Amino acid sequence: RKLARSEGRVAEQEKSAASAAESRRAAAAAEQAQVAEIEKQLEESKEELAKLERSRAKDLEQISSALTAEQARVASLKEQLSSTQKRVTEMENTTLENSRLREELVSEQAHAAELEGQ
């Protein structure tokens, strides 16, 4: 009887140990699945980051190109403005010279009229 009870307890303990081992195996398998999922998400995040970095680099390249084009346009407009200012100055000088010559002509005509009148 004692032996039978002892064997029964041993069997129960073995059953309990097997059950605990199975639980640990199941828990380990669940943890491995979680690790695999986290690794998968990490890899996806890395790929997304790489895409964003490529997109950002492309955007920066476009911005830089647009800025360079805009700087060239500004330089061209400055040259045009300088050229226009020179032409305006020349025209103003020409206008002043024409006014002076007109006054001289009027004076000469008046003097000629005076001489004719004598």
PDB file of N, CA and C in Angstrom:
ATOM      1  N   ARG A   1       0.815  -1.196   0.000  1.00  0.00           N
ATOM      2  CA  ARG A   1       0.000   0.000   0.000  1.00  0.00           C
ATOM      3  C   ARG A   1       0.855   1.254   0.000  1.00  0.00           C
ATOM      4  N   LYS A   2       1.797   1.278   0.918  1.00  0.00           N
ATOM      5  CA  LYS A   2       2.690   2.429   0.984  1.00  0.00           C
ATOM      6  C   LYS A   2       3.360   2.660  -0.357  1.00  0.00           C
ATOM      7  N   LEU A   3       3.799   1.572  -0.940  1.00  0.00           N
ATOM      8  CA  LEU A   3       4.476   1.651  -2.224  1.00  0.00           C
ATOM      9  C   LEU A   3       3.521   2.192  -3.284  1.00  0.00           C
ATOM     10  N   ALA A   4       2.311   1.743  -3.258  1.00  0.00           N
ATOM     11  CA  ALA A   4       1.325   2.201  -4.234  1.00  0.00           C
ATOM     12  C   ALA A   4       1.061   3.684  -4.043  1.00  0.00           C
ATOM     13  N   ARG A   5       0.932   4.088  -2.778  1.00  0.00           N
ATOM     14  CA  ARG A   5       0.709   5.527  -2.516  1.00  0.00           C
ATOM     15  C   ARG A   5       1.915   6.321  -2.973  1.00  0.00           C
ATOM     16  N   SER A   6       3.082   5.808  -2.678  1.00  0.00           N
ATOM     17  CA  SER A   6       4.325   6.467  -3.051  1.00  0.00           C
ATOM     18  C   SER A   6       4.416   6.577  -4.571  1.00  0.00           C
ATOM     19  N   GLU A   7       4.104   5.492  -5.229  1.00  0.00           N
ATOM     20  CA  GLU A   7       4.128   5.516  -6.687  1.00  0.00           C
ATOM     21  C   GLU A   7       3.097   6.504  -7.230  1.00  0.00           C
ATOM     22  N   GLY A   8       1.959   6.577  -6.579  1.00  0.00           N
ATOM     23  CA  GLY A   8       0.909   7.530  -6.975  1.00  0.00           C
ATOM     24  C   GLY A   8       1.402   8.966  -6.840  1.00  0.00           C
ATOM     25  N   ARG A   9       2.058   9.257  -5.707  1.00  0.00           N
ATOM     26  CA  ARG A   9       2.603  10.610  -5.499  1.00  0.00           C
ATOM     27  C   ARG A   9       3.678  10.932  -6.527  1.00  0.00           C
ATOM     28  N   VAL A  10       4.528   9.963  -6.797  1.00  0.00           N
ATOM     29  CA  VAL A  10       5.594  10.165  -7.788  1.00  0.00           C
ATOM     30  C   VAL A  10       4.960  10.444  -9.140  1.00  0.00           C
ATOM     31  N   ALA A  11       3.948   9.674  -9.469  1.00  0.00           N
ATOM     32  CA  ALA A  11       3.262   9.868 -10.755  1.00  0.00           C
ATOM     33  C   ALA A  11       2.638  11.262 -10.804  1.00  0.00           C
ATOM     34  N   GLU A  12       2.015  11.680  -9.717  1.00  0.00           N
ATOM     35  CA  GLU A  12       1.420  13.031  -9.647  1.00  0.00           C
ATOM     36  C   GLU A  12       2.492  14.101  -9.818  1.00  0.00           C
ATOM     37  N   GLN A  13       3.628  13.888  -9.128  1.00  0.00           N
ATOM     38  CA  GLN A  13       4.723  14.863  -9.222  1.00  0.00           C
ATOM     39  C   GLN A  13       5.279  14.913 -10.646  1.00  0.00           C
ATOM     40  N   GLU A  14       5.411  13.738 -11.252  1.00  0.00           N
ATOM     41  CA  GLU A  14       5.907  13.702 -12.629  1.00  0.00           C
ATOM     42  C   GLU A  14       4.924  14.401 -13.559  1.00  0.00           C
ATOM     43  N   LYS A  15       3.663  14.147 -13.328  1.00  0.00           N
ATOM     44  CA  LYS A  15       2.605  14.774 -14.126  1.00  0.00           C
ATOM     45  C   LYS A  15       2.661  16.291 -13.947  1.00  0.00           C
ATOM     46  N   SER A  16       2.817  16.724 -12.709  1.00  0.00           N
ATOM     47  CA  SER A  16       2.896  18.153 -12.388  1.00  0.00           C
ATOM     48  C   SER A  16       4.134  18.780 -13.033  1.00  0.00           C
ATOM     49  N   ALA A  17       5.279  18.073 -12.941  1.00  0.00           N
ATOM     50  CA  ALA A  17       6.518  18.585 -13.537  1.00  0.00           C
ATOM     51  C   ALA A  17       6.378  18.669 -15.048  1.00  0.00           C
ATOM     52  N   ALA A  18       5.750  17.662 -15.658  1.00  0.00           N
ATOM     53  CA  ALA A  18       5.555  17.666 -17.112  1.00  0.00           C
ATOM     54  C   ALA A  18       4.648  18.832 -17.513  1.00  0.00           C
ATOM     55  N   SER A  19       3.615  19.054 -16.714  1.00  0.00           N
ATOM     56  CA  SER A  19       2.683  20.155 -16.980  1.00  0.00           C
ATOM     57  C   SER A  19       3.404  21.504 -16.875  1.00  0.00           C
ATOM     58  N   ALA A  20       4.242  21.652 -15.839  1.00  0.00           N
ATOM     59  CA  ALA A  20       4.996  22.893 -15.647  1.00  0.00           C
ATOM     60  C   ALA A  20       5.972  23.096 -16.803  1.00  0.00           C
ATOM     61  N   ALA A  21       6.619  22.008 -17.228  1.00  0.00           N
ATOM     62  CA  ALA A  21       7.563  22.105 -18.351  1.00  0.00           C
ATOM     63  C   ALA A  21       6.830  22.514 -19.616  1.00  0.00           C
ATOM     64  N   GLU A  22       5.649  21.941 -19.822  1.00  0.00           N
ATOM     65  CA  GLU A  22       4.848  22.291 -20.994  1.00  0.00           C
ATOM     66  C   GLU A  22       4.438  23.759 -20.948  1.00  0.00           C
ATOM     67  N   SER A  23       4.071  24.241 -19.768  1.00  0.00           N
ATOM     68  CA  SER A  23       3.714  25.656 -19.598  1.00  0.00           C
ATOM     69  C   SER A  23       4.908  26.559 -19.925  1.00  0.00           C
ATOM     70  N   ARG A  24       6.093  26.145 -19.425  1.00  0.00           N
ATOM     71  CA  ARG A  24       7.297  26.944 -19.703  1.00  0.00           C
ATOM     72  C   ARG A  24       7.609  26.941 -21.200  1.00  0.00           C
ATOM     73  N   ARG A  25       7.433  25.768 -21.833  1.00  0.00           N
ATOM     74  CA  ARG A  25       7.673  25.696 -23.288  1.00  0.00           C
ATOM     75  C   ARG A  25       6.698  26.598 -24.035  1.00  0.00           C
ATOM     76  N   ALA A  26       5.445  26.573 -23.622  1.00  0.00           N
ATOM     77  CA  ALA A  26       4.427  27.422 -24.265  1.00  0.00           C
ATOM     78  C   ALA A  26       4.760  28.907 -24.063  1.00  0.00           C
ATOM     79  N   ALA A  27       5.177  29.252 -22.851  1.00  0.00           N
ATOM     80  CA  ALA A  27       5.541  30.647 -22.555  1.00  0.00           C
ATOM     81  C   ALA A  27       6.745  31.061 -23.391  1.00  0.00           C
ATOM     82  N   ALA A  28       7.744  30.154 -23.500  1.00  0.00           N
ATOM     83  CA  ALA A  28       8.939  30.455 -24.296  1.00  0.00           C
ATOM     84  C   ALA A  28       8.565  30.636 -25.763  1.00  0.00           C
ATOM     85  N   ALA A  29       7.669  29.780 -26.251  1.00  0.00           N
ATOM     86  CA  ALA A  29       7.231  29.886 -27.646  1.00  0.00           C
ATOM     87  C   ALA A  29       6.498  31.218 -27.871  1.00  0.00           C
ATOM     88  N   ALA A  30       5.663  31.623 -26.911  1.00  0.00           N
ATOM     89  CA  ALA A  30       4.942  32.898 -27.018  1.00  0.00           C
ATOM     90  C   ALA A  30       5.931  34.061 -27.015  1.00  0.00           C
ATOM     91  N   GLU A  31       6.944  33.964 -26.146  1.00  0.00           N
ATOM     92  CA  GLU A  31       7.958  35.026 -26.105  1.00  0.00           C
ATOM     93  C   GLU A  31       8.726  35.086 -27.413  1.00  0.00           C
ATOM     94  N   GLN A  32       9.055  33.934 -27.975  1.00  0.00           N
ATOM     95  CA  GLN A  32       9.768  33.903 -29.254  1.00  0.00           C
ATOM     96  C   GLN A  32       8.917  34.532 -30.352  1.00  0.00           C
ATOM     97  N   ALA A  33       7.620  34.249 -30.309  1.00  0.00           N
ATOM     98  CA  ALA A  33       6.713  34.836 -31.299  1.00  0.00           C
ATOM     99  C   ALA A  33       6.677  36.355 -31.143  1.00  0.00           C
ATOM    100  N   GLN A  34       6.647  36.818 -29.878  1.00  0.00           N
ATOM    101  CA  GLN A  34       6.658  38.271 -29.639  1.00  0.00           C
ATOM    102  C   GLN A  34       7.955  38.893 -30.128  1.00  0.00           C
ATOM    103  N   VAL A  35       9.067  38.244 -29.847  1.00  0.00           N
ATOM    104  CA  VAL A  35      10.368  38.748 -30.296  1.00  0.00           C
ATOM    105  C   VAL A  35      10.390  38.820 -31.824  1.00  0.00           C
ATOM    106  N   ALA A  36       9.901  37.781 -32.479  1.00  0.00           N
ATOM    107  CA  ALA A  36       9.867  37.758 -33.944  1.00  0.00           C
ATOM    108  C   ALA A  36       9.017  38.905 -34.481  1.00  0.00           C
ATOM    109  N   GLU A  37       7.874  39.138 -33.834  1.00  0.00           N
ATOM    110  CA  GLU A  37       6.996  40.233 -34.266  1.00  0.00           C
ATOM    111  C   GLU A  37       7.679  41.587 -34.069  1.00  0.00           C
ATOM    112  N   ILE A  38       8.332  41.757 -32.931  1.00  0.00           N
ATOM    113  CA  ILE A  38       9.044  43.016 -32.652  1.00  0.00           C
ATOM    114  C   ILE A  38      10.170  43.212 -33.664  1.00  0.00           C
ATOM    115  N   GLU A  39      10.907  42.135 -33.966  1.00  0.00           N
ATOM    116  CA  GLU A  39      11.985  42.231 -34.957  1.00  0.00           C
ATOM    117  C   GLU A  39      11.426  42.605 -36.333  1.00  0.00           C
ATOM    118  N   LYS A  40      10.286  42.023 -36.679  1.00  0.00           N
ATOM    119  CA  LYS A  40       9.637  42.331 -37.957  1.00  0.00           C
ATOM    120  C   LYS A  40       9.248  43.811 -37.991  1.00  0.00           C
ATOM    121  N   GLN A  41       8.634  44.295 -36.910  1.00  0.00           N
ATOM    122  CA  GLN A  41       8.242  45.709 -36.838  1.00  0.00           C
ATOM    123  C   GLN A  41       9.461  46.621 -36.900  1.00  0.00           C
ATOM    124  N   LEU A  42      10.542  46.209 -36.238  1.00  0.00           N
ATOM    125  CA  LEU A  42      11.777  46.992 -36.264  1.00  0.00           C
ATOM    126  C   LEU A  42      12.308  47.091 -37.688  1.00  0.00           C
ATOM    127  N   GLU A  43      12.305  45.971 -38.394  1.00  0.00           N
ATOM    128  CA  GLU A  43      12.777  45.957 -39.782  1.00  0.00           C
ATOM    129  C   GLU A  43      11.896  46.854 -40.653  1.00  0.00           C
ATOM    130  N   GLU A  44      10.587  46.787 -40.466  1.00  0.00           N
ATOM    131  CA  GLU A  44       9.664  47.647 -41.215  1.00  0.00           C
ATOM    132  C   GLU A  44       9.929  49.119 -40.895  1.00  0.00           C
ATOM    133  N   SER A  45      10.186  49.414 -39.631  1.00  0.00           N
ATOM    134  CA  SER A  45      10.478  50.792 -39.222  1.00  0.00           C
ATOM    135  C   SER A  45      11.770  51.288 -39.869  1.00  0.00           C
ATOM    136  N   LYS A  46      12.773  50.405 -39.912  1.00  0.00           N
ATOM    137  CA  LYS A  46      14.044  50.775 -40.552  1.00  0.00           C
ATOM    138  C   LYS A  46      13.824  51.078 -42.034  1.00  0.00           C
ATOM    139  N   GLU A  47      13.023  50.238 -42.696  1.00  0.00           N
ATOM    140  CA  GLU A  47      12.740  50.451 -44.119  1.00  0.00           C
ATOM    141  C   GLU A  47      11.994  51.767 -44.321  1.00  0.00           C
ATOM    142  N   GLU A  48      11.033  52.047 -43.470  1.00  0.00           N
ATOM    143  CA  GLU A  48      10.266  53.297 -43.561  1.00  0.00           C
ATOM    144  C   GLU A  48      11.189  54.501 -43.331  1.00  0.00           C
ATOM    145  N   LEU A  49      12.075  54.379 -42.347  1.00  0.00           N
ATOM    146  CA  LEU A  49      13.039  55.443 -42.074  1.00  0.00           C
ATOM    147  C   LEU A  49      13.929  55.677 -43.288  1.00  0.00           C
ATOM    148  N   ALA A  50      14.396  54.612 -43.902  1.00  0.00           N
ATOM    149  CA  ALA A  50      15.245  54.740 -45.100  1.00  0.00           C
ATOM    150  C   ALA A  50      14.477  55.443 -46.218  1.00  0.00           C
ATOM    151  N   LYS A  51      13.194  55.084 -46.390  1.00  0.00           N
ATOM    152  CA  LYS A  51      12.360  55.749 -47.406  1.00  0.00           C
ATOM    153  C   LYS A  51      12.243  57.237 -47.107  1.00  0.00           C
ATOM    154  N   LEU A  52      11.980  57.549 -45.838  1.00  0.00           N
ATOM    155  CA  LEU A  52      11.838  58.956 -45.449  1.00  0.00           C
ATOM    156  C   LEU A  52      13.138  59.729 -45.671  1.00  0.00           C
ATOM    157  N   GLU A  53      14.256  59.088 -45.354  1.00  0.00           N
ATOM    158  CA  GLU A  53      15.547  59.750 -45.554  1.00  0.00           C
ATOM    159  C   GLU A  53      15.801  59.999 -47.039  1.00  0.00           C
ATOM    160  N   ARG A  54      15.462  59.024 -47.895  1.00  0.00           N
ATOM    161  CA  ARG A  54      15.636  59.222 -49.344  1.00  0.00           C
ATOM    162  C   ARG A  54      14.726  60.344 -49.830  1.00  0.00           C
ATOM    163  N   SER A  55      13.497  60.344 -49.344  1.00  0.00           N
ATOM    164  CA  SER A  55      12.541  61.388 -49.727  1.00  0.00           C
ATOM    165  C   SER A  55      13.025  62.764 -49.269  1.00  0.00           C
ATOM    166  N   ARG A  56      13.545  62.818 -48.051  1.00  0.00           N
ATOM    167  CA  ARG A  56      14.061  64.082 -47.505  1.00  0.00           C
ATOM    168  C   ARG A  56      15.249  64.569 -48.330  1.00  0.00           C
ATOM    169  N   ALA A  57      16.131  63.640 -48.692  1.00  0.00           N
ATOM    170  CA  ALA A  57      17.298  64.008 -49.499  1.00  0.00           C
ATOM    171  C   ALA A  57      16.847  64.553 -50.854  1.00  0.00           C
ATOM    172  N   LYS A  58      15.823  63.906 -51.435  1.00  0.00           N
ATOM    173  CA  LYS A  58      15.304  64.366 -52.721  1.00  0.00           C
ATOM    174  C   LYS A  58      14.678  65.761 -52.568  1.00  0.00           C
ATOM    175  N   ASP A  59      13.916  65.954 -51.493  1.00  0.00           N
ATOM    176  CA  ASP A  59      13.304  67.262 -51.227  1.00  0.00           C
ATOM    177  C   ASP A  59      14.368  68.341 -51.059  1.00  0.00           C
ATOM    178  N   LEU A  60      15.415  68.029 -50.297  1.00  0.00           N
ATOM    179  CA  LEU A  60      16.493  68.999 -50.085  1.00  0.00           C
ATOM    180  C   LEU A  60      17.188  69.333 -51.406  1.00  0.00           C
ATOM    181  N   GLU A  61      17.359  68.318 -52.244  1.00  0.00           N
ATOM    182  CA  GLU A  61      17.985  68.525 -53.549  1.00  0.00           C
ATOM    183  C   GLU A  61      17.120  69.457 -54.399  1.00  0.00           C
ATOM    184  N   GLN A  62      15.803  69.231 -54.381  1.00  0.00           N
ATOM    185  CA  GLN A  62      14.886  70.080 -55.150  1.00  0.00           C
ATOM    186  C   GLN A  62      14.886  71.508 -54.608  1.00  0.00           C
ATOM    187  N   ILE A  63      14.891  71.636 -53.277  1.00  0.00           N
ATOM    188  CA  ILE A  63      14.906  72.963 -52.658  1.00  0.00           C
ATOM    189  C   ILE A  63      16.199  73.689 -53.023  1.00  0.00           C
ATOM    190  N   SER A  64      17.307  72.976 -52.954  1.00  0.00           N
ATOM    191  CA  SER A  64      18.606  73.561 -53.290  1.00  0.00           C
ATOM    192  C   SER A  64      18.629  74.008 -54.748  1.00  0.00           C
ATOM    193  N   SER A  65      18.107  73.167 -55.611  1.00  0.00           N
ATOM    194  CA  SER A  65      18.057  73.488 -57.042  1.00  0.00           C
ATOM    195  C   SER A  65      17.175  74.717 -57.286  1.00  0.00           C
ATOM    196  N   ALA A  66      16.021  74.754 -56.623  1.00  0.00           N
ATOM    197  CA  ALA A  66      15.111  75.898 -56.770  1.00  0.00           C
ATOM    198  C   ALA A  66      15.765  77.168 -56.235  1.00  0.00           C
ATOM    199  N   LEU A  67      16.477  77.048 -55.116  1.00  0.00           N
ATOM    200  CA  LEU A  67      17.162  78.197 -54.534  1.00  0.00           C
ATOM    201  C   LEU A  67      18.242  78.718 -55.480  1.00  0.00           C
ATOM    202  N   THR A  68      19.012  77.812 -56.057  1.00  0.00           N
ATOM    203  CA  THR A  68      20.050  78.207 -57.009  1.00  0.00           C
ATOM    204  C   THR A  68      19.430  78.928 -58.201  1.00  0.00           C
ATOM    205  N   ALA A  69      18.332  78.383 -58.717  1.00  0.00           N
ATOM    206  CA  ALA A  69      17.642  79.021 -59.850  1.00  0.00           C
ATOM    207  C   ALA A  69      17.138  80.412 -59.457  1.00  0.00           C
ATOM    208  N   GLU A  70      16.600  80.515 -58.244  1.00  0.00           N
ATOM    209  CA  GLU A  70      16.072  81.801 -57.763  1.00  0.00           C
ATOM    210  C   GLU A  70      17.212  82.810 -57.595  1.00  0.00           C
ATOM    211  N   GLN A  71      18.361  82.347 -57.088  1.00  0.00           N
ATOM    212  CA  GLN A  71      19.511  83.237 -56.933  1.00  0.00           C
ATOM    213  C   GLN A  71      19.984  83.737 -58.301  1.00  0.00           C
ATOM    214  N   ALA A  72      19.982  82.862 -59.291  1.00  0.00           N
ATOM    215  CA  ALA A  72      20.373  83.259 -60.649  1.00  0.00           C
ATOM    216  C   ALA A  72      19.383  84.288 -61.201  1.00  0.00           C
ATOM    217  N   ARG A  73      18.094  84.076 -60.932  1.00  0.00           N
ATOM    218  CA  ARG A  73      17.064  85.015 -61.399  1.00  0.00           C
ATOM    219  C   ARG A  73      17.242  86.375 -60.732  1.00  0.00           C
ATOM    220  N   VAL A  74      17.544  86.374 -59.435  1.00  0.00           N
ATOM    221  CA  VAL A  74      17.772  87.632 -58.708  1.00  0.00           C
ATOM    222  C   VAL A  74      18.987  88.354 -59.283  1.00  0.00           C
ATOM    223  N   ALA A  75      20.056  87.607 -59.558  1.00  0.00           N
ATOM    224  CA  ALA A  75      21.260  88.217 -60.133  1.00  0.00           C
ATOM    225  C   ALA A  75      20.943  88.842 -61.485  1.00  0.00           C
ATOM    226  N   SER A  76      20.163  88.130 -62.284  1.00  0.00           N
ATOM    227  CA  SER A  76      19.767  88.638 -63.607  1.00  0.00           C
ATOM    228  C   SER A  76      18.924  89.909 -63.464  1.00  0.00           C
ATOM    229  N   LEU A  77      17.986  89.877 -62.514  1.00  0.00           N
ATOM    230  CA  LEU A  77      17.141  91.069 -62.298  1.00  0.00           C
ATOM    231  C   LEU A  77      17.972  92.251 -61.813  1.00  0.00           C
ATOM    232  N   LYS A  78      18.985  92.000 -60.984  1.00  0.00           N
ATOM    233  CA  LYS A  78      19.863  93.079 -60.522  1.00  0.00           C
ATOM    234  C   LYS A  78      20.620  93.687 -61.697  1.00  0.00           C
ATOM    235  N   GLU A  79      21.099  92.809 -62.600  1.00  0.00           N
ATOM    236  CA  GLU A  79      21.797  93.302 -63.796  1.00  0.00           C
ATOM    237  C   GLU A  79      20.857  94.148 -64.649  1.00  0.00           C
ATOM    238  N   GLN A  80      19.631  93.673 -64.834  1.00  0.00           N
ATOM    239  CA  GLN A  80      18.649  94.426 -65.622  1.00  0.00           C
ATOM    240  C   GLN A  80      18.371  95.778 -64.967  1.00  0.00           C
ATOM    241  N   LEU A  81      18.234  95.781 -63.630  1.00  0.00           N
ATOM    242  CA  LEU A  81      17.959  97.017 -62.910  1.00  0.00           C
ATOM    243  C   LEU A  81      19.112  97.998 -63.083  1.00  0.00           C
ATOM    244  N   SER A  82      20.338  97.499 -62.949  1.00  0.00           N
ATOM    245  CA  SER A  82      21.517  98.344 -63.113  1.00  0.00           C
ATOM    246  C   SER A  82      21.554  98.937 -64.514  1.00  0.00           C
ATOM    247  N   SER A  83      21.296  98.118 -65.515  1.00  0.00           N
ATOM    248  CA  SER A  83      21.287  98.572 -66.912  1.00  0.00           C
ATOM    249  C   SER A  83      20.190  99.622 -67.126  1.00  0.00           C
ATOM    250  N   THR A  84      19.023  99.357 -66.543  1.00  0.00           N
ATOM    251  CA  THR A  84      17.907 100.309 -66.676  1.00  0.00           C
ATOM    252  C   THR A  84      18.255 101.634 -65.992  1.00  0.00           C
ATOM    253  N   GLN A  85      18.886 101.550 -64.808  1.00  0.00           N
ATOM    254  CA  GLN A  85      19.259 102.782 -64.099  1.00  0.00           C
ATOM    255  C   GLN A  85      20.275 103.580 -64.918  1.00  0.00           C
ATOM    256  N   LYS A  86      21.214 102.912 -65.572  1.00  0.00           N
ATOM    257  CA  LYS A  86      22.184 103.597 -66.427  1.00  0.00           C
ATOM    258  C   LYS A  86      21.466 104.295 -67.581  1.00  0.00           C
ATOM    259  N   ARG A  87      20.510 103.576 -68.206  1.00  0.00           N
ATOM    260  CA  ARG A  87      19.768 104.182 -69.330  1.00  0.00           C
ATOM    261  C   ARG A  87      18.963 105.390 -68.862  1.00  0.00           C
ATOM    262  N   VAL A  88      18.353 105.273 -67.669  1.00  0.00           N
ATOM    263  CA  VAL A  88      17.578 106.399 -67.126  1.00  0.00           C
ATOM    264  C   VAL A  88      18.494 107.599 -66.893  1.00  0.00           C
ATOM    265  N   THR A  89      19.664 107.338 -66.320  1.00  0.00           N
ATOM    266  CA  THR A  89      20.629 108.418 -66.074  1.00  0.00           C
ATOM    267  C   THR A  89      21.041 109.058 -67.401  1.00  0.00           C
ATOM    268  N   GLU A  90      21.330 108.221 -68.401  1.00  0.00           N
ATOM    269  CA  GLU A  90      21.690 108.753 -69.730  1.00  0.00           C
ATOM    270  C   GLU A  90      20.555 109.590 -70.309  1.00  0.00           C
ATOM    271  N   MET A  91      19.326 109.120 -70.178  1.00  0.00           N
ATOM    272  CA  MET A  91      18.168 109.861 -70.700  1.00  0.00           C
ATOM    273  C   MET A  91      18.011 111.190 -69.961  1.00  0.00           C
ATOM    274  N   GLU A  92      18.184 111.142 -68.638  1.00  0.00           N
ATOM    275  CA  GLU A  92      18.084 112.384 -67.854  1.00  0.00           C
ATOM    276  C   GLU A  92      19.151 113.374 -68.308  1.00  0.00           C
ATOM    277  N   ASN A  93      20.366 112.879 -68.503  1.00  0.00           N
ATOM    278  CA  ASN A  93      21.448 113.744 -68.977  1.00  0.00           C
ATOM    279  C   ASN A  93      21.148 114.301 -70.365  1.00  0.00           C
ATOM    280  N   THR A  94      20.610 113.421 -71.224  1.00  0.00           N
ATOM    281  CA  THR A  94      20.239 113.865 -72.576  1.00  0.00           C
ATOM    282  C   THR A  94      19.146 114.928 -72.504  1.00  0.00           C
ATOM    283  N   THR A  95      18.168 114.723 -71.633  1.00  0.00           N
ATOM    284  CA  THR A  95      17.077 115.690 -71.482  1.00  0.00           C
ATOM    285  C   THR A  95      17.615 117.038 -71.001  1.00  0.00           C
ATOM    286  N   LEU A  96      18.519 116.979 -70.011  1.00  0.00           N
ATOM    287  CA  LEU A  96      19.130 118.227 -69.516  1.00  0.00           C
ATOM    288  C   LEU A  96      19.910 118.918 -70.630  1.00  0.00           C
ATOM    289  N   GLU A  97      20.680 118.149 -71.400  1.00  0.00           N
ATOM    290  CA  GLU A  97      21.461 118.708 -72.512  1.00  0.00           C
ATOM    291  C   GLU A  97      20.529 119.304 -73.554  1.00  0.00           C
ATOM    292  N   ASN A  98      19.437 118.595 -73.865  1.00  0.00           N
ATOM    293  CA  ASN A  98      18.471 119.110 -74.838  1.00  0.00           C
ATOM    294  C   ASN A  98      17.845 120.417 -74.346  1.00  0.00           C
ATOM    295  N   SER A  99      17.512 120.486 -73.062  1.00  0.00           N
ATOM    296  CA  SER A  99      16.929 121.714 -72.497  1.00  0.00           C
ATOM    297  C   SER A  99      17.928 122.861 -72.608  1.00  0.00           C
ATOM    298  N   ARG A 100      19.196 122.569 -72.286  1.00  0.00           N
ATOM    299  CA  ARG A 100      20.237 123.598 -72.368  1.00  0.00           C
ATOM    300  C   ARG A 100      20.419 124.066 -73.811  1.00  0.00           C
ATOM    301  N   LEU A 101      20.415 123.117 -74.745  1.00  0.00           N
ATOM    302  CA  LEU A 101      20.562 123.471 -76.158  1.00  0.00           C
ATOM    303  C   LEU A 101      19.358 124.265 -76.653  1.00  0.00           C
ATOM    304  N   ARG A 102      18.152 123.909 -76.184  1.00  0.00           N
ATOM    305  CA  ARG A 102      16.943 124.646 -76.566  1.00  0.00           C
ATOM    306  C   ARG A 102      17.035 126.095 -76.091  1.00  0.00           C
ATOM    307  N   GLU A 103      17.461 126.230 -74.832  1.00  0.00           N
ATOM    308  CA  GLU A 103      17.618 127.593 -74.287  1.00  0.00           C
ATOM    309  C   GLU A 103      18.642 128.379 -75.099  1.00  0.00           C
ATOM    310  N   GLU A 104      19.735 127.706 -75.445  1.00  0.00           N
ATOM    311  CA  GLU A 104      20.773 128.353 -76.254  1.00  0.00           C
ATOM    312  C   GLU A 104      20.212 128.754 -77.610  1.00  0.00           C
ATOM    313  N   LEU A 105      19.417 127.839 -78.220  1.00  0.00           N
ATOM    314  CA  LEU A 105      18.830 128.111 -79.527  1.00  0.00           C
ATOM    315  C   LEU A 105      17.868 129.300 -79.454  1.00  0.00           C
ATOM    316  N   VAL A 106      17.036 129.291 -78.416  1.00  0.00           N
ATOM    317  CA  VAL A 106      16.074 130.393 -78.258  1.00  0.00           C
ATOM    318  C   VAL A 106      16.839 131.711 -78.094  1.00  0.00           C
ATOM    319  N   SER A 107      17.900 131.656 -77.307  1.00  0.00           N
ATOM    320  CA  SER A 107      18.711 132.853 -77.087  1.00  0.00           C
ATOM    321  C   SER A 107      19.346 133.318 -78.400  1.00  0.00           C
ATOM    322  N   GLU A 108      19.876 132.364 -79.161  1.00  0.00           N
ATOM    323  CA  GLU A 108      20.496 132.699 -80.458  1.00  0.00           C
ATOM    324  C   GLU A 108      19.458 133.259 -81.417  1.00  0.00           C
ATOM    325  N   GLN A 109      18.243 132.660 -81.420  1.00  0.00           N
ATOM    326  CA  GLN A 109      17.176 133.142 -82.312  1.00  0.00           C
ATOM    327  C   GLN A 109      16.752 134.556 -81.932  1.00  0.00           C
ATOM    328  N   ALA A 110      16.691 134.789 -80.625  1.00  0.00           N
ATOM    329  CA  ALA A 110      16.312 136.133 -80.152  1.00  0.00           C
ATOM    330  C   ALA A 110      17.386 137.136 -80.578  1.00  0.00           C
ATOM    331  N   HIS A 111      18.654 136.694 -80.427  1.00  0.00           N
ATOM    332  CA  HIS A 111      19.757 137.578 -80.809  1.00  0.00           C
ATOM    333  C   HIS A 111      19.733 137.842 -82.317  1.00  0.00           C
ATOM    334  N   ALA A 112      19.442 136.791 -83.100  1.00  0.00           N
ATOM    335  CA  ALA A 112      19.374 136.943 -84.560  1.00  0.00           C
ATOM    336  C   ALA A 112      18.220 137.864 -84.930  1.00  0.00           C
ATOM    337  N   ALA A 113      17.086 137.694 -84.232  1.00  0.00           N
ATOM    338  CA  ALA A 113      15.929 138.554 -84.523  1.00  0.00           C
ATOM    339  C   ALA A 113      16.262 139.998 -84.212  1.00  0.00           C
ATOM    340  N   GLU A 114      17.012 140.197 -83.137  1.00  0.00           N
ATOM    341  CA  GLU A 114      17.445 141.541 -82.775  1.00  0.00           C
ATOM    342  C   GLU A 114      18.313 142.141 -83.857  1.00  0.00           C
ATOM    343  N   LEU A 115      19.251 141.327 -84.337  1.00  0.00           N
ATOM    344  CA  LEU A 115      20.169 141.803 -85.365  1.00  0.00           C
ATOM    345  C   LEU A 115      19.406 142.091 -86.646  1.00  0.00           C
ATOM    346  N   GLU A 116      18.431 141.261 -86.963  1.00  0.00           N
ATOM    347  CA  GLU A 116      17.617 141.512 -88.178  1.00  0.00           C
ATOM    348  C   GLU A 116      16.800 142.792 -88.010  1.00  0.00           C
ATOM    349  N   GLY A 117      16.343 142.996 -86.826  1.00  0.00           N
ATOM    350  CA  GLY A 117      15.505 144.154 -86.538  1.00  0.00           C
ATOM    351  C   GLY A 117      16.302 145.454 -86.618  1.00  0.00           C
ATOM    352  N   GLN A 118      17.591 145.432 -86.554  1.00  0.00           N
ATOM    353  CA  GLN A 118      18.385 146.646 -86.563  1.00  0.00           C
ATOM    354  C   GLN A 118      18.586 147.165 -87.928  1.00  0.00           C
TER     355      GLN A 118
END
